[in-house]
Amino acid sequence: MANPGTGGAYSFSLTTFSPSGKLVQIEHALAAVGQGTTSLGIKATNGIVVATSKKAPSPLVDDSCIERVSLICPNIGVVYSGMGPDFRVLVAKARKSAQAYWKIYGEYPSTRVLVGEIATVMQEATQSGGVRPFGVSLLVAGYDKAKGHTLYQVDPSGSFWAWKASAIGKNQVNAKTFLEKRYNDDISLEDAIHTALLTLKEGFEGVMTEKTIELGIISTAGFDNLAGGGHGTGGSDTPGFRKLTEAEVADYLQL
């Protein structure tokens, strides 16, 4: 038998702590996240940008069907690193939660409330027999009147924190180091988008094009196409989330 101190005897049990106080399956889930493509988010003075690469596993795959940045509700969007199927399940649960909130209160939830709902789902998967943790970490970007623009990271354990800038996935260590050097509290959304692209380029494999990266932003312009404000946090000038088109991404890459 493997030495219990190394986690070997406990690595197959999610609900049993090792002698060192760890739930080893959560560490394995974080390893799955670490094998995923790099994703990052940057909070600016007037918005938030999230970015990720979306390299197709084969040239035969239709890359227009690959989606790594998703809209949850008009004021909140999310990007992930890790296992795509797990992300799909969490997005479905988050959208259902946002719609349930809207039906009761007539507005969409604040970012903090929705992040708490997602984190609860992920935490429950670490405390139940016969299941495994979600093999995915999330960066959730949103806007609400109470806290303005906020960026949260949610990990497989159900832990979450608010960040000014963060990175997850395969190249997260180098990406965070790069962001620490480039980030400042006065950064604008335009500069944040350029910084996000430069950060992705640091560890990018292959050629970076509008087909191989995906960007999402929180900005006033992102909400102009929704009449009347919609999420109960303001009028039509209320910031909202949208994904940039391939043409817009191409324009930023040329700058």
C-alpha atoms as a PDB file:
ATOM      1  CA  MET A   1       0.000   0.000   0.000  1.00  0.00           C
ATOM      2  CA  ALA A   2       1.146   3.499  -0.722  1.00  0.00           C
ATOM      3  CA  ASN A   3       2.355   5.608   2.188  1.00  0.00           C
ATOM      4  CA  PRO A   4      -0.725   7.472   3.582  1.00  0.00           C
ATOM      5  CA  GLY A   5       1.415  10.554   4.112  1.00  0.00           C
ATOM      6  CA  THR A   6       1.834  10.883   0.344  1.00  0.00           C
ATOM      7  CA  GLY A   7      -1.927  10.815  -0.212  1.00  0.00           C
ATOM      8  CA  GLY A   8      -1.809   7.487  -2.056  1.00  0.00           C
ATOM      9  CA  ALA A   9      -4.128   5.684   0.339  1.00  0.00           C
ATOM     10  CA  TYR A  10      -6.539   8.625   0.307  1.00  0.00           C
ATOM     11  CA  SER A  11      -6.378   9.686  -3.326  1.00  0.00           C
ATOM     12  CA  PHE A  12      -9.472   7.662  -4.268  1.00  0.00           C
ATOM     13  CA  SER A  13     -11.670   9.037  -1.486  1.00  0.00           C
ATOM     14  CA  LEU A  14     -13.183  12.454  -1.887  1.00  0.00           C
ATOM     15  CA  THR A  15     -14.801  12.657   1.525  1.00  0.00           C
ATOM     16  CA  THR A  16     -11.835  11.452   3.620  1.00  0.00           C
ATOM     17  CA  PHE A  17      -9.110  13.841   4.728  1.00  0.00           C
ATOM     18  CA  SER A  18      -5.503  12.683   4.492  1.00  0.00           C
ATOM     19  CA  PRO A  19      -3.363  12.923   7.666  1.00  0.00           C
ATOM     20  CA  SER A  20      -1.915  16.157   6.302  1.00  0.00           C
ATOM     21  CA  GLY A  21      -5.419  17.669   6.170  1.00  0.00           C
ATOM     22  CA  LYS A  22      -5.908  17.529   2.408  1.00  0.00           C
ATOM     23  CA  LEU A  23      -8.671  16.231   0.168  1.00  0.00           C
ATOM     24  CA  VAL A  24      -6.453  14.703  -2.475  1.00  0.00           C
ATOM     25  CA  GLN A  25      -9.169  14.473  -5.137  1.00  0.00           C
ATOM     26  CA  ILE A  26      -9.435  18.276  -5.093  1.00  0.00           C
ATOM     27  CA  GLU A  27      -5.721  18.487  -5.808  1.00  0.00           C
ATOM     28  CA  HIS A  28      -6.248  16.112  -8.728  1.00  0.00           C
ATOM     29  CA  ALA A  29      -9.061  18.372  -9.969  1.00  0.00           C
ATOM     30  CA  LEU A  30      -6.696  21.355  -9.815  1.00  0.00           C
ATOM     31  CA  ALA A  31      -4.203  19.304 -11.844  1.00  0.00           C
ATOM     32  CA  ALA A  32      -6.917  18.846 -14.492  1.00  0.00           C
ATOM     33  CA  VAL A  33      -7.415  22.626 -14.521  1.00  0.00           C
ATOM     34  CA  GLY A  34      -3.658  23.068 -14.899  1.00  0.00           C
ATOM     35  CA  GLN A  35      -3.719  20.974 -18.057  1.00  0.00           C
ATOM     36  CA  GLY A  36      -6.392  23.172 -19.630  1.00  0.00           C
ATOM     37  CA  THR A  37      -5.795  26.091 -21.946  1.00  0.00           C
ATOM     38  CA  THR A  38      -4.768  29.387 -20.368  1.00  0.00           C
ATOM     39  CA  SER A  39      -7.569  31.824 -19.543  1.00  0.00           C
ATOM     40  CA  LEU A  40      -7.316  35.221 -17.881  1.00  0.00           C
ATOM     41  CA  GLY A  41      -9.315  38.202 -16.747  1.00  0.00           C
ATOM     42  CA  ILE A  42      -8.385  41.847 -16.149  1.00  0.00           C
ATOM     43  CA  LYS A  43     -10.461  44.460 -14.327  1.00  0.00           C
ATOM     44  CA  ALA A  44     -10.150  47.973 -15.741  1.00  0.00           C
ATOM     45  CA  THR A  45     -11.470  51.328 -14.563  1.00  0.00           C
ATOM     46  CA  ASN A  46     -14.308  51.216 -17.096  1.00  0.00           C
ATOM     47  CA  GLY A  47     -14.880  47.510 -17.677  1.00  0.00           C
ATOM     48  CA  ILE A  48     -13.485  43.975 -17.570  1.00  0.00           C
ATOM     49  CA  VAL A  49     -11.946  41.753 -20.229  1.00  0.00           C
ATOM     50  CA  VAL A  50     -11.717  37.954 -20.155  1.00  0.00           C
ATOM     51  CA  ALA A  51      -9.613  36.103 -22.699  1.00  0.00           C
ATOM     52  CA  THR A  52      -8.699  32.540 -23.583  1.00  0.00           C
ATOM     53  CA  SER A  53      -7.283  30.434 -26.380  1.00  0.00           C
ATOM     54  CA  LYS A  54      -9.579  28.008 -28.172  1.00  0.00           C
ATOM     55  CA  LYS A  55      -7.320  25.755 -30.171  1.00  0.00           C
ATOM     56  CA  ALA A  56      -9.219  22.971 -31.929  1.00  0.00           C
ATOM     57  CA  PRO A  57      -8.051  19.427 -31.071  1.00  0.00           C
ATOM     58  CA  SER A  58      -7.964  18.566 -34.783  1.00  0.00           C
ATOM     59  CA  PRO A  59      -7.948  20.556 -38.047  1.00  0.00           C
ATOM     60  CA  LEU A  60     -11.108  18.614 -38.952  1.00  0.00           C
ATOM     61  CA  VAL A  61     -13.037  20.184 -36.057  1.00  0.00           C
ATOM     62  CA  ASP A  62     -15.299  23.122 -36.914  1.00  0.00           C
ATOM     63  CA  ASP A  63     -13.751  25.776 -34.652  1.00  0.00           C
ATOM     64  CA  SER A  64     -16.833  28.002 -34.939  1.00  0.00           C
ATOM     65  CA  CYS A  65     -18.565  25.543 -32.572  1.00  0.00           C
ATOM     66  CA  ILE A  66     -15.908  25.865 -29.860  1.00  0.00           C
ATOM     67  CA  GLU A  67     -17.079  28.178 -27.066  1.00  0.00           C
ATOM     68  CA  ARG A  68     -14.937  28.909 -24.022  1.00  0.00           C
ATOM     69  CA  VAL A  69     -16.492  32.265 -23.082  1.00  0.00           C
ATOM     70  CA  SER A  70     -20.177  32.138 -22.164  1.00  0.00           C
ATOM     71  CA  LEU A  71     -22.890  34.617 -21.273  1.00  0.00           C
ATOM     72  CA  ILE A  72     -24.764  33.767 -18.058  1.00  0.00           C
ATOM     73  CA  CYS A  73     -27.122  36.753 -17.983  1.00  0.00           C
ATOM     74  CA  PRO A  74     -26.901  40.265 -19.481  1.00  0.00           C
ATOM     75  CA  ASN A  75     -24.555  41.576 -16.778  1.00  0.00           C
ATOM     76  CA  ILE A  76     -22.385  38.479 -16.167  1.00  0.00           C
ATOM     77  CA  GLY A  77     -20.087  36.337 -18.307  1.00  0.00           C
ATOM     78  CA  VAL A  78     -17.643  33.518 -17.583  1.00  0.00           C
ATOM     79  CA  VAL A  79     -14.535  31.835 -19.011  1.00  0.00           C
ATOM     80  CA  TYR A  80     -12.991  28.540 -17.909  1.00  0.00           C
ATOM     81  CA  SER A  81      -9.932  26.328 -17.893  1.00  0.00           C
ATOM     82  CA  GLY A  82     -10.189  22.568 -17.455  1.00  0.00           C
ATOM     83  CA  MET A  83     -12.834  20.084 -18.562  1.00  0.00           C
ATOM     84  CA  GLY A  84     -15.342  21.430 -21.096  1.00  0.00           C
ATOM     85  CA  PRO A  85     -18.236  19.109 -20.165  1.00  0.00           C
ATOM     86  CA  ASP A  86     -18.006  20.181 -16.506  1.00  0.00           C
ATOM     87  CA  PHE A  87     -18.088  23.814 -17.608  1.00  0.00           C
ATOM     88  CA  ARG A  88     -21.204  23.162 -19.691  1.00  0.00           C
ATOM     89  CA  VAL A  89     -23.003  21.748 -16.637  1.00  0.00           C
ATOM     90  CA  LEU A  90     -22.034  24.726 -14.469  1.00  0.00           C
ATOM     91  CA  VAL A  91     -23.111  27.241 -17.121  1.00  0.00           C
ATOM     92  CA  ALA A  92     -26.526  25.566 -17.376  1.00  0.00           C
ATOM     93  CA  LYS A  93     -26.951  25.665 -13.576  1.00  0.00           C
ATOM     94  CA  ALA A  94     -25.792  29.294 -13.390  1.00  0.00           C
ATOM     95  CA  ARG A  95     -28.207  30.387 -16.132  1.00  0.00           C
ATOM     96  CA  LYS A  96     -31.077  28.586 -14.415  1.00  0.00           C
ATOM     97  CA  SER A  97     -30.191  30.272 -11.114  1.00  0.00           C
ATOM     98  CA  ALA A  98     -30.022  33.714 -12.762  1.00  0.00           C
ATOM     99  CA  GLN A  99     -33.431  33.228 -14.402  1.00  0.00           C
ATOM    100  CA  ALA A 100     -34.968  32.034 -11.128  1.00  0.00           C
ATOM    101  CA  TYR A 101     -33.621  35.155  -9.398  1.00  0.00           C
ATOM    102  CA  TRP A 102     -35.042  37.358 -12.149  1.00  0.00           C
ATOM    103  CA  LYS A 103     -38.496  35.750 -11.868  1.00  0.00           C
ATOM    104  CA  ILE A 104     -38.602  36.483  -8.128  1.00  0.00           C
ATOM    105  CA  TYR A 105     -36.970  39.918  -7.914  1.00  0.00           C
ATOM    106  CA  GLY A 106     -37.481  41.365 -11.398  1.00  0.00           C
ATOM    107  CA  GLU A 107     -33.750  41.857 -11.923  1.00  0.00           C
ATOM    108  CA  TYR A 108     -30.700  39.700 -12.516  1.00  0.00           C
ATOM    109  CA  PRO A 109     -28.446  38.797  -9.551  1.00  0.00           C
ATOM    110  CA  SER A 110     -25.341  40.689  -8.577  1.00  0.00           C
ATOM    111  CA  THR A 111     -22.038  39.095  -9.515  1.00  0.00           C
ATOM    112  CA  ARG A 112     -21.307  38.163  -5.897  1.00  0.00           C
ATOM    113  CA  VAL A 113     -24.671  36.401  -5.491  1.00  0.00           C
ATOM    114  CA  LEU A 114     -24.311  34.360  -8.687  1.00  0.00           C
ATOM    115  CA  VAL A 115     -20.699  33.452  -7.920  1.00  0.00           C
ATOM    116  CA  GLY A 116     -21.873  32.222  -4.522  1.00  0.00           C
ATOM    117  CA  GLU A 117     -24.461  29.988  -6.206  1.00  0.00           C
ATOM    118  CA  ILE A 118     -21.867  28.516  -8.581  1.00  0.00           C
ATOM    119  CA  ALA A 119     -19.367  28.005  -5.760  1.00  0.00           C
ATOM    120  CA  THR A 120     -22.006  26.219  -3.670  1.00  0.00           C
ATOM    121  CA  VAL A 121     -22.659  23.737  -6.491  1.00  0.00           C
ATOM    122  CA  MET A 122     -18.914  23.080  -6.790  1.00  0.00           C
ATOM    123  CA  GLN A 123     -18.443  22.758  -3.021  1.00  0.00           C
ATOM    124  CA  GLU A 124     -21.305  20.268  -2.682  1.00  0.00           C
ATOM    125  CA  ALA A 125     -19.487  18.034  -5.170  1.00  0.00           C
ATOM    126  CA  THR A 126     -16.579  17.817  -2.688  1.00  0.00           C
ATOM    127  CA  GLN A 127     -18.710  16.625   0.242  1.00  0.00           C
ATOM    128  CA  SER A 128     -20.819  13.860  -1.277  1.00  0.00           C
ATOM    129  CA  GLY A 129     -20.108  10.185  -1.817  1.00  0.00           C
ATOM    130  CA  GLY A 130     -20.204   8.736  -5.315  1.00  0.00           C
ATOM    131  CA  VAL A 131     -19.297  11.985  -7.094  1.00  0.00           C
ATOM    132  CA  ARG A 132     -16.094  13.769  -8.024  1.00  0.00           C
ATOM    133  CA  PRO A 133     -15.103  17.441  -7.908  1.00  0.00           C
ATOM    134  CA  PHE A 134     -15.674  19.599 -10.972  1.00  0.00           C
ATOM    135  CA  GLY A 135     -12.465  19.580 -13.019  1.00  0.00           C
ATOM    136  CA  VAL A 136     -12.711  23.239 -13.910  1.00  0.00           C
ATOM    137  CA  SER A 137     -11.833  26.699 -12.613  1.00  0.00           C
ATOM    138  CA  LEU A 138     -13.837  29.758 -13.622  1.00  0.00           C
ATOM    139  CA  LEU A 139     -13.251  33.464 -14.051  1.00  0.00           C
ATOM    140  CA  VAL A 140     -16.578  35.263 -13.647  1.00  0.00           C
ATOM    141  CA  ALA A 141     -16.868  38.886 -14.786  1.00  0.00           C
ATOM    142  CA  GLY A 142     -19.888  41.011 -13.990  1.00  0.00           C
ATOM    143  CA  TYR A 143     -21.371  44.378 -13.152  1.00  0.00           C
ATOM    144  CA  ASP A 144     -23.920  45.502 -10.584  1.00  0.00           C
ATOM    145  CA  LYS A 145     -24.823  48.789  -8.927  1.00  0.00           C
ATOM    146  CA  ALA A 146     -23.575  47.761  -5.483  1.00  0.00           C
ATOM    147  CA  LYS A 147     -19.970  46.885  -6.373  1.00  0.00           C
ATOM    148  CA  GLY A 148     -19.586  47.988  -9.973  1.00  0.00           C
ATOM    149  CA  HIS A 149     -17.241  45.885 -12.103  1.00  0.00           C
ATOM    150  CA  THR A 150     -16.036  42.743 -10.334  1.00  0.00           C
ATOM    151  CA  LEU A 151     -13.939  39.736 -11.373  1.00  0.00           C
ATOM    152  CA  TYR A 152     -14.073  36.475  -9.406  1.00  0.00           C
ATOM    153  CA  GLN A 153     -12.133  33.225  -9.623  1.00  0.00           C
ATOM    154  CA  VAL A 154     -13.905  30.018  -8.565  1.00  0.00           C
ATOM    155  CA  ASP A 155     -11.908  26.824  -7.982  1.00  0.00           C
ATOM    156  CA  PRO A 156     -12.971  23.130  -7.809  1.00  0.00           C
ATOM    157  CA  SER A 157     -13.055  23.254  -3.989  1.00  0.00           C
ATOM    158  CA  GLY A 158     -15.824  25.870  -4.121  1.00  0.00           C
ATOM    159  CA  SER A 159     -13.475  28.614  -2.929  1.00  0.00           C
ATOM    160  CA  PHE A 160     -13.754  31.994  -4.633  1.00  0.00           C
ATOM    161  CA  TRP A 161     -12.024  35.357  -4.455  1.00  0.00           C
ATOM    162  CA  ALA A 162     -12.349  38.743  -6.111  1.00  0.00           C
ATOM    163  CA  TRP A 163      -9.345  39.673  -8.266  1.00  0.00           C
ATOM    164  CA  LYS A 164      -8.040  42.720 -10.091  1.00  0.00           C
ATOM    165  CA  ALA A 165      -6.414  40.383 -12.605  1.00  0.00           C
ATOM    166  CA  SER A 166      -5.948  36.619 -12.622  1.00  0.00           C
ATOM    167  CA  ALA A 167      -5.025  33.691 -14.843  1.00  0.00           C
ATOM    168  CA  ILE A 168      -5.911  29.996 -14.757  1.00  0.00           C
ATOM    169  CA  GLY A 169      -4.887  26.985 -16.805  1.00  0.00           C
ATOM    170  CA  LYS A 170      -1.675  25.618 -18.273  1.00  0.00           C
ATOM    171  CA  ASN A 171       0.412  28.792 -18.251  1.00  0.00           C
ATOM    172  CA  GLN A 172      -1.135  30.444 -15.203  1.00  0.00           C
ATOM    173  CA  VAL A 173       2.127  30.971 -13.263  1.00  0.00           C
ATOM    174  CA  ASN A 174       3.879  32.844 -16.079  1.00  0.00           C
ATOM    175  CA  ALA A 175       0.658  34.675 -16.972  1.00  0.00           C
ATOM    176  CA  LYS A 176       0.160  35.914 -13.402  1.00  0.00           C
ATOM    177  CA  THR A 177       3.788  37.036 -13.224  1.00  0.00           C
ATOM    178  CA  PHE A 178       3.326  38.964 -16.474  1.00  0.00           C
ATOM    179  CA  LEU A 179       0.093  40.537 -15.218  1.00  0.00           C
ATOM    180  CA  GLU A 180       1.721  41.588 -11.939  1.00  0.00           C
ATOM    181  CA  LYS A 181       4.317  43.531 -13.924  1.00  0.00           C
ATOM    182  CA  ARG A 182       1.881  45.125 -16.365  1.00  0.00           C
ATOM    183  CA  TYR A 183      -1.214  45.783 -14.250  1.00  0.00           C
ATOM    184  CA  ASN A 184      -2.024  49.114 -12.625  1.00  0.00           C
ATOM    185  CA  ASP A 185      -5.179  50.422 -10.948  1.00  0.00           C
ATOM    186  CA  ASP A 186      -5.692  53.096 -13.625  1.00  0.00           C
ATOM    187  CA  ILE A 187      -5.714  50.737 -16.602  1.00  0.00           C
ATOM    188  CA  SER A 188      -8.441  51.422 -19.180  1.00  0.00           C
ATOM    189  CA  LEU A 189     -10.500  48.735 -20.912  1.00  0.00           C
ATOM    190  CA  GLU A 190      -8.666  49.267 -24.212  1.00  0.00           C
ATOM    191  CA  ASP A 191      -5.287  48.869 -22.502  1.00  0.00           C
ATOM    192  CA  ALA A 192      -6.618  45.844 -20.589  1.00  0.00           C
ATOM    193  CA  ILE A 193      -7.575  44.149 -23.869  1.00  0.00           C
ATOM    194  CA  HIS A 194      -4.081  44.727 -25.284  1.00  0.00           C
ATOM    195  CA  THR A 195      -2.512  43.478 -22.034  1.00  0.00           C
ATOM    196  CA  ALA A 196      -4.711  40.363 -22.159  1.00  0.00           C
ATOM    197  CA  LEU A 197      -3.533  39.607 -25.703  1.00  0.00           C
ATOM    198  CA  LEU A 198       0.119  40.142 -24.770  1.00  0.00           C
ATOM    199  CA  THR A 199      -0.290  37.855 -21.757  1.00  0.00           C
ATOM    200  CA  LEU A 200      -1.829  35.082 -23.861  1.00  0.00           C
ATOM    201  CA  LYS A 201       0.938  35.488 -26.429  1.00  0.00           C
ATOM    202  CA  GLU A 202       3.600  34.765 -23.764  1.00  0.00           C
ATOM    203  CA  GLY A 203       2.830  31.050 -23.667  1.00  0.00           C
ATOM    204  CA  PHE A 204       0.783  30.649 -26.829  1.00  0.00           C
ATOM    205  CA  GLU A 205       1.486  27.609 -28.993  1.00  0.00           C
ATOM    206  CA  GLY A 206       1.196  28.321 -32.699  1.00  0.00           C
ATOM    207  CA  VAL A 207      -0.073  31.461 -34.416  1.00  0.00           C
ATOM    208  CA  MET A 208      -2.472  33.719 -32.552  1.00  0.00           C
ATOM    209  CA  THR A 209      -5.398  34.666 -34.800  1.00  0.00           C
ATOM    210  CA  GLU A 210      -9.037  35.641 -34.399  1.00  0.00           C
ATOM    211  CA  LYS A 211      -9.825  31.936 -34.875  1.00  0.00           C
ATOM    212  CA  THR A 212      -7.642  30.738 -31.998  1.00  0.00           C
ATOM    213  CA  ILE A 213      -8.527  33.182 -29.214  1.00  0.00           C
ATOM    214  CA  GLU A 214     -11.762  34.350 -27.658  1.00  0.00           C
ATOM    215  CA  LEU A 215     -12.460  37.627 -25.859  1.00  0.00           C
ATOM    216  CA  GLY A 216     -15.375  38.819 -23.766  1.00  0.00           C
ATOM    217  CA  ILE A 217     -15.861  42.263 -22.226  1.00  0.00           C
ATOM    218  CA  ILE A 218     -18.010  44.056 -19.693  1.00  0.00           C
ATOM    219  CA  SER A 219     -18.688  47.557 -20.991  1.00  0.00           C
ATOM    220  CA  THR A 220     -21.509  50.009 -21.592  1.00  0.00           C
ATOM    221  CA  ALA A 221     -21.298  49.266 -25.311  1.00  0.00           C
ATOM    222  CA  GLY A 222     -21.904  45.614 -24.543  1.00  0.00           C
ATOM    223  CA  PHE A 223     -25.386  46.417 -23.274  1.00  0.00           C
ATOM    224  CA  ASP A 224     -26.599  48.957 -25.822  1.00  0.00           C
ATOM    225  CA  ASN A 225     -28.476  46.362 -27.850  1.00  0.00           C
ATOM    226  CA  LEU A 226     -30.707  45.387 -24.935  1.00  0.00           C
ATOM    227  CA  ALA A 227     -33.675  47.701 -24.584  1.00  0.00           C
ATOM    228  CA  GLY A 228     -34.511  49.228 -21.232  1.00  0.00           C
ATOM    229  CA  GLY A 229     -31.538  47.976 -19.247  1.00  0.00           C
ATOM    230  CA  GLY A 230     -33.050  44.542 -18.648  1.00  0.00           C
ATOM    231  CA  HIS A 231     -31.182  43.427 -15.555  1.00  0.00           C
ATOM    232  CA  GLY A 232     -32.626  45.940 -13.138  1.00  0.00           C
ATOM    233  CA  THR A 233     -29.349  47.701 -12.398  1.00  0.00           C
ATOM    234  CA  GLY A 234     -29.894  50.743 -14.541  1.00  0.00           C
ATOM    235  CA  GLY A 235     -30.880  52.080 -17.940  1.00  0.00           C
ATOM    236  CA  SER A 236     -29.614  51.315 -21.394  1.00  0.00           C
ATOM    237  CA  ASP A 237     -26.196  52.749 -20.479  1.00  0.00           C
ATOM    238  CA  THR A 238     -25.688  50.059 -17.829  1.00  0.00           C
ATOM    239  CA  PRO A 239     -22.584  47.959 -18.521  1.00  0.00           C
ATOM    240  CA  GLY A 240     -23.244  44.473 -19.852  1.00  0.00           C
ATOM    241  CA  PHE A 241     -21.321  41.443 -21.064  1.00  0.00           C
ATOM    242  CA  ARG A 242     -20.682  40.485 -24.674  1.00  0.00           C
ATOM    243  CA  LYS A 243     -18.245  38.421 -26.686  1.00  0.00           C
ATOM    244  CA  LEU A 244     -16.129  40.208 -29.268  1.00  0.00           C
ATOM    245  CA  THR A 245     -16.650  39.162 -32.862  1.00  0.00           C
ATOM    246  CA  GLU A 246     -13.831  37.631 -34.880  1.00  0.00           C
ATOM    247  CA  ALA A 247     -13.555  40.879 -36.849  1.00  0.00           C
ATOM    248  CA  GLU A 248     -13.114  42.883 -33.631  1.00  0.00           C
ATOM    249  CA  VAL A 249     -10.515  40.446 -32.328  1.00  0.00           C
ATOM    250  CA  ALA A 250      -8.637  40.664 -35.641  1.00  0.00           C
ATOM    251  CA  ASP A 251      -8.577  44.472 -35.359  1.00  0.00           C
ATOM    252  CA  TYR A 252      -7.014  44.282 -31.883  1.00  0.00           C
ATOM    253  CA  LEU A 253      -4.421  41.770 -33.057  1.00  0.00           C
ATOM    254  CA  GLN A 254      -3.308  44.132 -35.805  1.00  0.00           C
ATOM    255  CA  LEU A 255      -2.634  47.011 -33.395  1.00  0.00           C
END
